[in-house]
Amino acid sequence: MTVHLYLSLIPEALIASMLPPEEFGVYYTVGYSKKQRGQAMFAELDPDFRNDFFRIDEGLERCVPHEDGRSKKSVYIATYRVLEHIPLETIHTLYLVTKFGETLALERSTDYPKDNSSLYMYQEIAPTSPLVVSSLDPLSFYQFLTQDPLSLIHLPAVCFVDLRLGDLATDPEFGNVGDLPYEYIHHLRECLMELRNKTIHTKMVDRTHTVEYPYRMINHGIYLGNQKELAYFPLPSREELRTNYYNWWRSANQ
């Protein structure tokens, strides 16, 4: 049987599995007997990938069928400093899985988003997970986290998603909340207004925020970056999701 090598981002881990991506997504989010529901995000790596930081060969050797012939669902190879040791050029598809096990494959793109927003909100996924607002667009935010020589804190690699702010992106004080589901709207307004009134370009909204978030609130897509490059995985348009990926979209909105 084929053994797959997965980079999990929620949570950060390197996992060997005999399950193909869609089956792995179901197992990883819903489980079969004991695991509670939860979102997942992962990428499949080339099975020939090796890095001395990981004991990959030992993990693959343990990924064998059970005595009754059932596939081995997961062998955890690493759970620490995983993302920074994965070459991003090997990642072409990212899988976004709802808490009900519906999987959406996102293809990599170099067409980085451009809009007229003056303010943004980012949920960092790995290796740290604060919720922050910023006046930096996604590309500039990635560069700030990994490369800015004036910053006291650098991340060797980062995964983050940009979340919708609606009218608050241009009018944080009086903008219509609309369908924004965030429970911390008052605090969010204050943080966004601080960006306008102070000489700062990032502000933490919640330093211990859960990495799970409503998928419908993704503004553009998912970003994976290290100190060499940025990989961008755009989310299809709402219309395309409703038309071509209805089961995933319906599951994501429950």
C-alpha atoms as a PDB file:
ATOM      1  CA  MET A   1       0.000   0.000   0.000  1.00  0.00           C
ATOM      2  CA  THR A   2       1.078   3.573  -0.701  1.00  0.00           C
ATOM      3  CA  VAL A   3       2.351   5.591   2.246  1.00  0.00           C
ATOM      4  CA  HIS A   4       1.606   9.314   2.167  1.00  0.00           C
ATOM      5  CA  LEU A   5       3.611  12.012   3.918  1.00  0.00           C
ATOM      6  CA  TYR A   6       1.558  14.941   5.240  1.00  0.00           C
ATOM      7  CA  LEU A   7       2.469  18.342   6.635  1.00  0.00           C
ATOM      8  CA  SER A   8      -0.309  19.172   9.077  1.00  0.00           C
ATOM      9  CA  LEU A   9      -0.777  22.830  10.023  1.00  0.00           C
ATOM     10  CA  ILE A  10      -3.664  22.454  12.496  1.00  0.00           C
ATOM     11  CA  PRO A  11      -1.838  21.317  14.559  1.00  0.00           C
ATOM     12  CA  GLU A  12       1.706  21.595  13.182  1.00  0.00           C
ATOM     13  CA  ALA A  13       3.034  18.083  12.592  1.00  0.00           C
ATOM     14  CA  LEU A  14       4.667  15.727  10.109  1.00  0.00           C
ATOM     15  CA  ILE A  15       2.581  12.585   9.678  1.00  0.00           C
ATOM     16  CA  ALA A  16       2.870   9.374   7.685  1.00  0.00           C
ATOM     17  CA  SER A  17      -0.401   7.725   6.685  1.00  0.00           C
ATOM     18  CA  MET A  18      -1.716   5.006   4.391  1.00  0.00           C
ATOM     19  CA  LEU A  19      -4.855   7.081   3.740  1.00  0.00           C
ATOM     20  CA  PRO A  20      -5.155   9.247   0.588  1.00  0.00           C
ATOM     21  CA  PRO A  21      -5.852  12.975   1.170  1.00  0.00           C
ATOM     22  CA  GLU A  22      -9.661  12.944   1.307  1.00  0.00           C
ATOM     23  CA  GLU A  23      -9.799   9.879   3.580  1.00  0.00           C
ATOM     24  CA  PHE A  24      -7.055  11.353   5.748  1.00  0.00           C
ATOM     25  CA  GLY A  25      -9.072  14.558   6.024  1.00  0.00           C
ATOM     26  CA  VAL A  26     -12.101  12.640   7.305  1.00  0.00           C
ATOM     27  CA  TYR A  27     -10.013  10.678   9.799  1.00  0.00           C
ATOM     28  CA  TYR A  28      -8.109  13.737  10.982  1.00  0.00           C
ATOM     29  CA  THR A  29     -11.187  15.901  11.617  1.00  0.00           C
ATOM     30  CA  VAL A  30     -14.000  13.509  12.494  1.00  0.00           C
ATOM     31  CA  GLY A  31     -12.159  10.357  13.509  1.00  0.00           C
ATOM     32  CA  TYR A  32     -13.781   6.970  13.743  1.00  0.00           C
ATOM     33  CA  SER A  33     -14.436   6.406  17.422  1.00  0.00           C
ATOM     34  CA  LYS A  34     -12.934   8.814  19.946  1.00  0.00           C
ATOM     35  CA  LYS A  35     -11.804  12.070  18.306  1.00  0.00           C
ATOM     36  CA  GLN A  36     -14.021  15.112  18.535  1.00  0.00           C
ATOM     37  CA  ARG A  37     -14.660  17.257  15.477  1.00  0.00           C
ATOM     38  CA  GLY A  38     -12.176  19.954  14.557  1.00  0.00           C
ATOM     39  CA  GLN A  39     -10.891  21.779  11.486  1.00  0.00           C
ATOM     40  CA  ALA A  40      -7.735  20.651   9.721  1.00  0.00           C
ATOM     41  CA  MET A  41      -5.307  22.022   7.166  1.00  0.00           C
ATOM     42  CA  PHE A  42      -2.595  19.918   5.584  1.00  0.00           C
ATOM     43  CA  ALA A  43      -0.432  19.432   2.499  1.00  0.00           C
ATOM     44  CA  GLU A  44       0.847  16.225   0.946  1.00  0.00           C
ATOM     45  CA  LEU A  45       4.630  16.097   0.528  1.00  0.00           C
ATOM     46  CA  ASP A  46       6.699  14.161  -1.976  1.00  0.00           C
ATOM     47  CA  PRO A  47       7.252  10.718  -0.397  1.00  0.00           C
ATOM     48  CA  ASP A  48      10.923  11.025  -1.316  1.00  0.00           C
ATOM     49  CA  PHE A  49      11.316  14.167   0.809  1.00  0.00           C
ATOM     50  CA  ARG A  50      13.980  13.814   3.489  1.00  0.00           C
ATOM     51  CA  ASN A  51      15.527  16.210   6.008  1.00  0.00           C
ATOM     52  CA  ASP A  52      18.011  15.267   8.725  1.00  0.00           C
ATOM     53  CA  PHE A  53      15.839  17.132  11.246  1.00  0.00           C
ATOM     54  CA  PHE A  54      13.176  14.406  10.902  1.00  0.00           C
ATOM     55  CA  ARG A  55      13.327  10.652  11.410  1.00  0.00           C
ATOM     56  CA  ILE A  56      11.229  10.071   8.313  1.00  0.00           C
ATOM     57  CA  ASP A  57      12.498   6.627   7.351  1.00  0.00           C
ATOM     58  CA  GLU A  58      11.740   5.285  10.834  1.00  0.00           C
ATOM     59  CA  GLY A  59       8.242   6.729  10.617  1.00  0.00           C
ATOM     60  CA  LEU A  60       7.605   5.181   7.209  1.00  0.00           C
ATOM     61  CA  GLU A  61       8.814   1.800   8.453  1.00  0.00           C
ATOM     62  CA  ARG A  62       6.177   1.936  11.198  1.00  0.00           C
ATOM     63  CA  CYS A  63       3.421   2.880   8.775  1.00  0.00           C
ATOM     64  CA  VAL A  64       2.335  -0.673   7.906  1.00  0.00           C
ATOM     65  CA  PRO A  65      -1.112  -2.309   7.768  1.00  0.00           C
ATOM     66  CA  HIS A  66      -2.677  -3.691  10.927  1.00  0.00           C
ATOM     67  CA  GLU A  67      -2.773  -7.440  11.388  1.00  0.00           C
ATOM     68  CA  ASP A  68      -6.341  -7.549  10.063  1.00  0.00           C
ATOM     69  CA  GLY A  69      -5.311  -5.695   6.900  1.00  0.00           C
ATOM     70  CA  ARG A  70      -6.678  -2.266   7.842  1.00  0.00           C
ATOM     71  CA  SER A  71      -4.620   0.699   6.698  1.00  0.00           C
ATOM     72  CA  LYS A  72      -2.410   2.458   9.235  1.00  0.00           C
ATOM     73  CA  LYS A  73      -4.085   5.839   9.628  1.00  0.00           C
ATOM     74  CA  SER A  74      -1.276   7.892  11.139  1.00  0.00           C
ATOM     75  CA  VAL A  75       2.274   7.755  12.435  1.00  0.00           C
ATOM     76  CA  TYR A  76       3.465  11.040  13.935  1.00  0.00           C
ATOM     77  CA  ILE A  77       7.047  11.732  12.881  1.00  0.00           C
ATOM     78  CA  ALA A  78       7.420  15.231  14.344  1.00  0.00           C
ATOM     79  CA  THR A  79       5.332  17.828  16.180  1.00  0.00           C
ATOM     80  CA  TYR A  80       7.902  20.577  16.711  1.00  0.00           C
ATOM     81  CA  ARG A  81       9.525  23.082  14.293  1.00  0.00           C
ATOM     82  CA  VAL A  82       8.064  21.233  11.342  1.00  0.00           C
ATOM     83  CA  LEU A  83       7.053  24.012   8.958  1.00  0.00           C
ATOM     84  CA  GLU A  84      10.454  25.709   8.968  1.00  0.00           C
ATOM     85  CA  HIS A  85      12.122  22.508   7.731  1.00  0.00           C
ATOM     86  CA  ILE A  86       9.774  21.911   4.793  1.00  0.00           C
ATOM     87  CA  PRO A  87      10.894  23.358   1.411  1.00  0.00           C
ATOM     88  CA  LEU A  88       7.879  25.279   0.110  1.00  0.00           C
ATOM     89  CA  GLU A  89       8.664  24.498  -3.523  1.00  0.00           C
ATOM     90  CA  THR A  90       7.522  20.929  -2.793  1.00  0.00           C
ATOM     91  CA  ILE A  91       4.022  22.080  -1.771  1.00  0.00           C
ATOM     92  CA  HIS A  92       1.569  22.607  -4.625  1.00  0.00           C
ATOM     93  CA  THR A  93      -1.777  21.709  -3.039  1.00  0.00           C
ATOM     94  CA  LEU A  94      -3.187  22.602   0.366  1.00  0.00           C
ATOM     95  CA  TYR A  95      -6.205  20.769   1.800  1.00  0.00           C
ATOM     96  CA  LEU A  96      -8.728  22.700   3.869  1.00  0.00           C
ATOM     97  CA  VAL A  97     -11.005  20.380   5.869  1.00  0.00           C
ATOM     98  CA  THR A  98     -14.180  21.327   7.711  1.00  0.00           C
ATOM     99  CA  LYS A  99     -15.007  19.964  11.141  1.00  0.00           C
ATOM    100  CA  PHE A 100     -17.403  17.572   9.411  1.00  0.00           C
ATOM    101  CA  GLY A 101     -14.702  16.037   7.229  1.00  0.00           C
ATOM    102  CA  GLU A 102     -15.397  17.763   3.892  1.00  0.00           C
ATOM    103  CA  THR A 103     -12.125  18.459   2.064  1.00  0.00           C
ATOM    104  CA  LEU A 104     -11.327  21.291  -0.356  1.00  0.00           C
ATOM    105  CA  ALA A 105      -8.085  21.236  -2.356  1.00  0.00           C
ATOM    106  CA  LEU A 106      -6.475  24.662  -2.857  1.00  0.00           C
ATOM    107  CA  GLU A 107      -3.916  25.063  -5.642  1.00  0.00           C
ATOM    108  CA  ARG A 108      -0.871  27.278  -5.288  1.00  0.00           C
ATOM    109  CA  SER A 109      -0.841  30.622  -7.077  1.00  0.00           C
ATOM    110  CA  THR A 110       1.611  33.478  -7.632  1.00  0.00           C
ATOM    111  CA  ASP A 111      -1.228  35.940  -8.287  1.00  0.00           C
ATOM    112  CA  TYR A 112      -1.118  37.654  -4.907  1.00  0.00           C
ATOM    113  CA  PRO A 113      -4.290  39.553  -3.983  1.00  0.00           C
ATOM    114  CA  LYS A 114      -4.619  43.286  -4.450  1.00  0.00           C
ATOM    115  CA  ASP A 115      -7.449  45.336  -2.997  1.00  0.00           C
ATOM    116  CA  ASN A 116      -8.193  48.777  -1.641  1.00  0.00           C
ATOM    117  CA  SER A 117      -8.266  47.768   2.009  1.00  0.00           C
ATOM    118  CA  SER A 118      -6.291  49.961   4.363  1.00  0.00           C
ATOM    119  CA  LEU A 119      -6.607  47.568   7.306  1.00  0.00           C
ATOM    120  CA  TYR A 120      -6.355  43.783   7.543  1.00  0.00           C
ATOM    121  CA  MET A 121      -6.867  41.004  10.076  1.00  0.00           C
ATOM    122  CA  TYR A 122      -4.673  37.910  10.169  1.00  0.00           C
ATOM    123  CA  GLN A 123      -5.051  34.647  12.040  1.00  0.00           C
ATOM    124  CA  GLU A 124      -1.617  33.098  12.415  1.00  0.00           C
ATOM    125  CA  ILE A 125      -1.836  29.309  12.227  1.00  0.00           C
ATOM    126  CA  ALA A 126       1.722  28.077  12.868  1.00  0.00           C
ATOM    127  CA  PRO A 127       4.145  28.121  14.588  1.00  0.00           C
ATOM    128  CA  THR A 128       2.454  30.804  16.714  1.00  0.00           C
ATOM    129  CA  SER A 129      -1.283  31.536  16.757  1.00  0.00           C
ATOM    130  CA  PRO A 130      -2.136  35.128  17.705  1.00  0.00           C
ATOM    131  CA  LEU A 131      -4.955  37.043  16.037  1.00  0.00           C
ATOM    132  CA  VAL A 132      -3.634  40.387  14.794  1.00  0.00           C
ATOM    133  CA  VAL A 133      -4.768  43.410  12.809  1.00  0.00           C
ATOM    134  CA  SER A 134      -2.397  45.271  10.546  1.00  0.00           C
ATOM    135  CA  SER A 135      -2.049  48.064   8.044  1.00  0.00           C
ATOM    136  CA  LEU A 136       0.244  45.749   6.042  1.00  0.00           C
ATOM    137  CA  ASP A 137      -1.084  43.806   3.063  1.00  0.00           C
ATOM    138  CA  PRO A 138      -0.479  40.020   3.100  1.00  0.00           C
ATOM    139  CA  LEU A 139       2.823  40.142   1.213  1.00  0.00           C
ATOM    140  CA  SER A 140       4.180  42.943   3.422  1.00  0.00           C
ATOM    141  CA  PHE A 141       2.926  41.174   6.563  1.00  0.00           C
ATOM    142  CA  TYR A 142       4.795  38.008   5.563  1.00  0.00           C
ATOM    143  CA  GLN A 143       7.969  40.022   4.963  1.00  0.00           C
ATOM    144  CA  PHE A 144       7.565  41.761   8.323  1.00  0.00           C
ATOM    145  CA  LEU A 145       7.277  38.425  10.158  1.00  0.00           C
ATOM    146  CA  THR A 146      10.184  36.691   8.454  1.00  0.00           C
ATOM    147  CA  GLN A 147      12.580  39.274   7.028  1.00  0.00           C
ATOM    148  CA  ASP A 148      12.186  42.795   8.465  1.00  0.00           C
ATOM    149  CA  PRO A 149      15.658  43.811   9.774  1.00  0.00           C
ATOM    150  CA  LEU A 150      14.109  46.349  12.159  1.00  0.00           C
ATOM    151  CA  SER A 151      11.843  43.806  13.863  1.00  0.00           C
ATOM    152  CA  LEU A 152      13.055  42.287  17.135  1.00  0.00           C
ATOM    153  CA  ILE A 153      11.072  39.097  16.489  1.00  0.00           C
ATOM    154  CA  HIS A 154      11.519  36.929  13.419  1.00  0.00           C
ATOM    155  CA  LEU A 155       9.816  33.656  12.562  1.00  0.00           C
ATOM    156  CA  PRO A 156      11.771  31.110  10.482  1.00  0.00           C
ATOM    157  CA  ALA A 157       8.487  30.197   8.780  1.00  0.00           C
ATOM    158  CA  VAL A 158       4.836  31.108   9.150  1.00  0.00           C
ATOM    159  CA  CYS A 159       1.363  30.055   8.099  1.00  0.00           C
ATOM    160  CA  PHE A 160      -1.477  32.574   8.275  1.00  0.00           C
ATOM    161  CA  VAL A 161      -4.869  33.399   6.787  1.00  0.00           C
ATOM    162  CA  ASP A 162      -6.373  36.817   6.067  1.00  0.00           C
ATOM    163  CA  LEU A 163      -9.882  37.262   7.450  1.00  0.00           C
ATOM    164  CA  ARG A 164     -12.665  39.550   6.275  1.00  0.00           C
ATOM    165  CA  LEU A 165     -13.227  42.843   8.068  1.00  0.00           C
ATOM    166  CA  GLY A 166     -16.039  44.157   5.880  1.00  0.00           C
ATOM    167  CA  ASP A 167     -16.698  47.864   6.364  1.00  0.00           C
ATOM    168  CA  LEU A 168     -14.339  47.920   9.363  1.00  0.00           C
ATOM    169  CA  ALA A 169     -11.380  47.709   6.973  1.00  0.00           C
ATOM    170  CA  THR A 170     -12.007  51.289   5.872  1.00  0.00           C
ATOM    171  CA  ASP A 171     -14.093  52.681   8.756  1.00  0.00           C
ATOM    172  CA  PRO A 172     -13.207  50.885  11.992  1.00  0.00           C
ATOM    173  CA  GLU A 173     -15.072  53.322  14.220  1.00  0.00           C
ATOM    174  CA  PHE A 174     -18.454  53.562  12.506  1.00  0.00           C
ATOM    175  CA  GLY A 175     -18.356  50.827   9.838  1.00  0.00           C
ATOM    176  CA  ASN A 176     -21.357  48.486   9.631  1.00  0.00           C
ATOM    177  CA  VAL A 177     -20.660  45.121  11.281  1.00  0.00           C
ATOM    178  CA  GLY A 178     -22.891  43.362   8.750  1.00  0.00           C
ATOM    179  CA  ASP A 179     -22.481  39.580   8.892  1.00  0.00           C
ATOM    180  CA  LEU A 180     -19.145  39.576  10.737  1.00  0.00           C
ATOM    181  CA  PRO A 181     -19.439  36.762  13.322  1.00  0.00           C
ATOM    182  CA  TYR A 182     -16.673  37.931  15.649  1.00  0.00           C
ATOM    183  CA  GLU A 183     -17.651  38.106  19.336  1.00  0.00           C
ATOM    184  CA  TYR A 184     -14.978  40.723  20.075  1.00  0.00           C
ATOM    185  CA  ILE A 185     -16.259  43.487  17.762  1.00  0.00           C
ATOM    186  CA  HIS A 186     -15.844  46.308  20.314  1.00  0.00           C
ATOM    187  CA  HIS A 187     -12.251  45.313  21.073  1.00  0.00           C
ATOM    188  CA  LEU A 188     -11.591  44.795  17.365  1.00  0.00           C
ATOM    189  CA  ARG A 189     -12.758  48.331  16.588  1.00  0.00           C
ATOM    190  CA  GLU A 190     -10.421  49.709  19.269  1.00  0.00           C
ATOM    191  CA  CYS A 191      -7.440  47.793  17.879  1.00  0.00           C
ATOM    192  CA  LEU A 192      -8.134  48.954  14.326  1.00  0.00           C
ATOM    193  CA  MET A 193      -8.486  52.560  15.450  1.00  0.00           C
ATOM    194  CA  GLU A 194      -5.128  52.343  17.233  1.00  0.00           C
ATOM    195  CA  LEU A 195      -3.530  51.440  13.913  1.00  0.00           C
ATOM    196  CA  ARG A 196      -4.976  54.659  12.511  1.00  0.00           C
ATOM    197  CA  ASN A 197      -3.939  56.858  15.419  1.00  0.00           C
ATOM    198  CA  LYS A 198      -0.494  55.501  16.329  1.00  0.00           C
ATOM    199  CA  THR A 199       2.762  54.939  14.443  1.00  0.00           C
ATOM    200  CA  ILE A 200       2.406  51.151  14.467  1.00  0.00           C
ATOM    201  CA  HIS A 201       1.493  48.758  11.669  1.00  0.00           C
ATOM    202  CA  THR A 202       0.431  45.692  13.668  1.00  0.00           C
ATOM    203  CA  LYS A 203      -1.709  45.271  16.757  1.00  0.00           C
ATOM    204  CA  MET A 204      -2.499  42.055  18.610  1.00  0.00           C
ATOM    205  CA  VAL A 205      -6.205  41.381  19.083  1.00  0.00           C
ATOM    206  CA  ASP A 206      -5.810  38.103  20.975  1.00  0.00           C
ATOM    207  CA  ARG A 207      -2.479  36.461  21.785  1.00  0.00           C
ATOM    208  CA  THR A 208      -4.017  33.041  22.559  1.00  0.00           C
ATOM    209  CA  HIS A 209      -6.779  32.915  19.971  1.00  0.00           C
ATOM    210  CA  THR A 210      -7.892  29.504  18.705  1.00  0.00           C
ATOM    211  CA  VAL A 211      -6.574  28.684  15.238  1.00  0.00           C
ATOM    212  CA  GLU A 212     -10.055  27.548  14.196  1.00  0.00           C
ATOM    213  CA  TYR A 213     -12.111  30.206  12.432  1.00  0.00           C
ATOM    214  CA  PRO A 214     -15.194  30.368  10.155  1.00  0.00           C
ATOM    215  CA  TYR A 215     -13.978  29.398   6.681  1.00  0.00           C
ATOM    216  CA  ARG A 216     -16.539  31.739   5.129  1.00  0.00           C
ATOM    217  CA  MET A 217     -14.558  34.615   6.657  1.00  0.00           C
ATOM    218  CA  ILE A 218     -11.439  33.910   4.581  1.00  0.00           C
ATOM    219  CA  ASN A 219     -10.798  37.083   2.645  1.00  0.00           C
ATOM    220  CA  HIS A 220      -8.350  35.849   0.019  1.00  0.00           C
ATOM    221  CA  GLY A 221      -6.604  32.651   1.040  1.00  0.00           C
ATOM    222  CA  ILE A 222      -3.896  30.836   2.991  1.00  0.00           C
ATOM    223  CA  TYR A 223      -0.233  31.862   3.098  1.00  0.00           C
ATOM    224  CA  LEU A 224       2.834  29.726   3.851  1.00  0.00           C
ATOM    225  CA  GLY A 225       6.134  31.556   4.020  1.00  0.00           C
ATOM    226  CA  ASN A 226       9.717  31.112   5.124  1.00  0.00           C
ATOM    227  CA  GLN A 227      12.743  33.384   4.824  1.00  0.00           C
ATOM    228  CA  LYS A 228      13.137  32.489   1.141  1.00  0.00           C
ATOM    229  CA  GLU A 229       9.661  32.504  -0.402  1.00  0.00           C
ATOM    230  CA  LEU A 230       5.920  32.838   0.073  1.00  0.00           C
ATOM    231  CA  ALA A 231       3.387  30.258  -1.111  1.00  0.00           C
ATOM    232  CA  TYR A 232      -0.175  31.522  -1.625  1.00  0.00           C
ATOM    233  CA  PHE A 233      -3.269  29.319  -1.843  1.00  0.00           C
ATOM    234  CA  PRO A 234      -6.335  31.362  -2.862  1.00  0.00           C
ATOM    235  CA  LEU A 235      -9.851  30.352  -1.869  1.00  0.00           C
ATOM    236  CA  PRO A 236     -12.269  30.095  -4.822  1.00  0.00           C
ATOM    237  CA  SER A 237     -14.933  32.793  -5.110  1.00  0.00           C
ATOM    238  CA  ARG A 238     -18.162  32.414  -3.138  1.00  0.00           C
ATOM    239  CA  GLU A 239     -20.036  31.777  -6.365  1.00  0.00           C
ATOM    240  CA  GLU A 240     -17.599  29.051  -7.428  1.00  0.00           C
ATOM    241  CA  LEU A 241     -17.765  27.443  -3.982  1.00  0.00           C
ATOM    242  CA  ARG A 242     -21.560  27.346  -4.100  1.00  0.00           C
ATOM    243  CA  THR A 243     -21.589  25.997  -7.654  1.00  0.00           C
ATOM    244  CA  ASN A 244     -18.680  23.560  -7.802  1.00  0.00           C
ATOM    245  CA  TYR A 245     -17.962  22.713  -4.158  1.00  0.00           C
ATOM    246  CA  TYR A 246     -21.425  22.864  -2.645  1.00  0.00           C
ATOM    247  CA  ASN A 247     -20.960  20.067  -0.075  1.00  0.00           C
ATOM    248  CA  TRP A 248     -17.781  21.663   1.273  1.00  0.00           C
ATOM    249  CA  TRP A 249     -19.299  25.161   1.317  1.00  0.00           C
ATOM    250  CA  ARG A 250     -22.445  23.960   3.102  1.00  0.00           C
ATOM    251  CA  SER A 251     -20.342  22.046   5.621  1.00  0.00           C
ATOM    252  CA  ALA A 252     -18.098  25.073   6.191  1.00  0.00           C
ATOM    253  CA  ASN A 253     -21.106  27.246   7.064  1.00  0.00           C
ATOM    254  CA  GLN A 254     -22.662  24.952   9.670  1.00  0.00           C
END
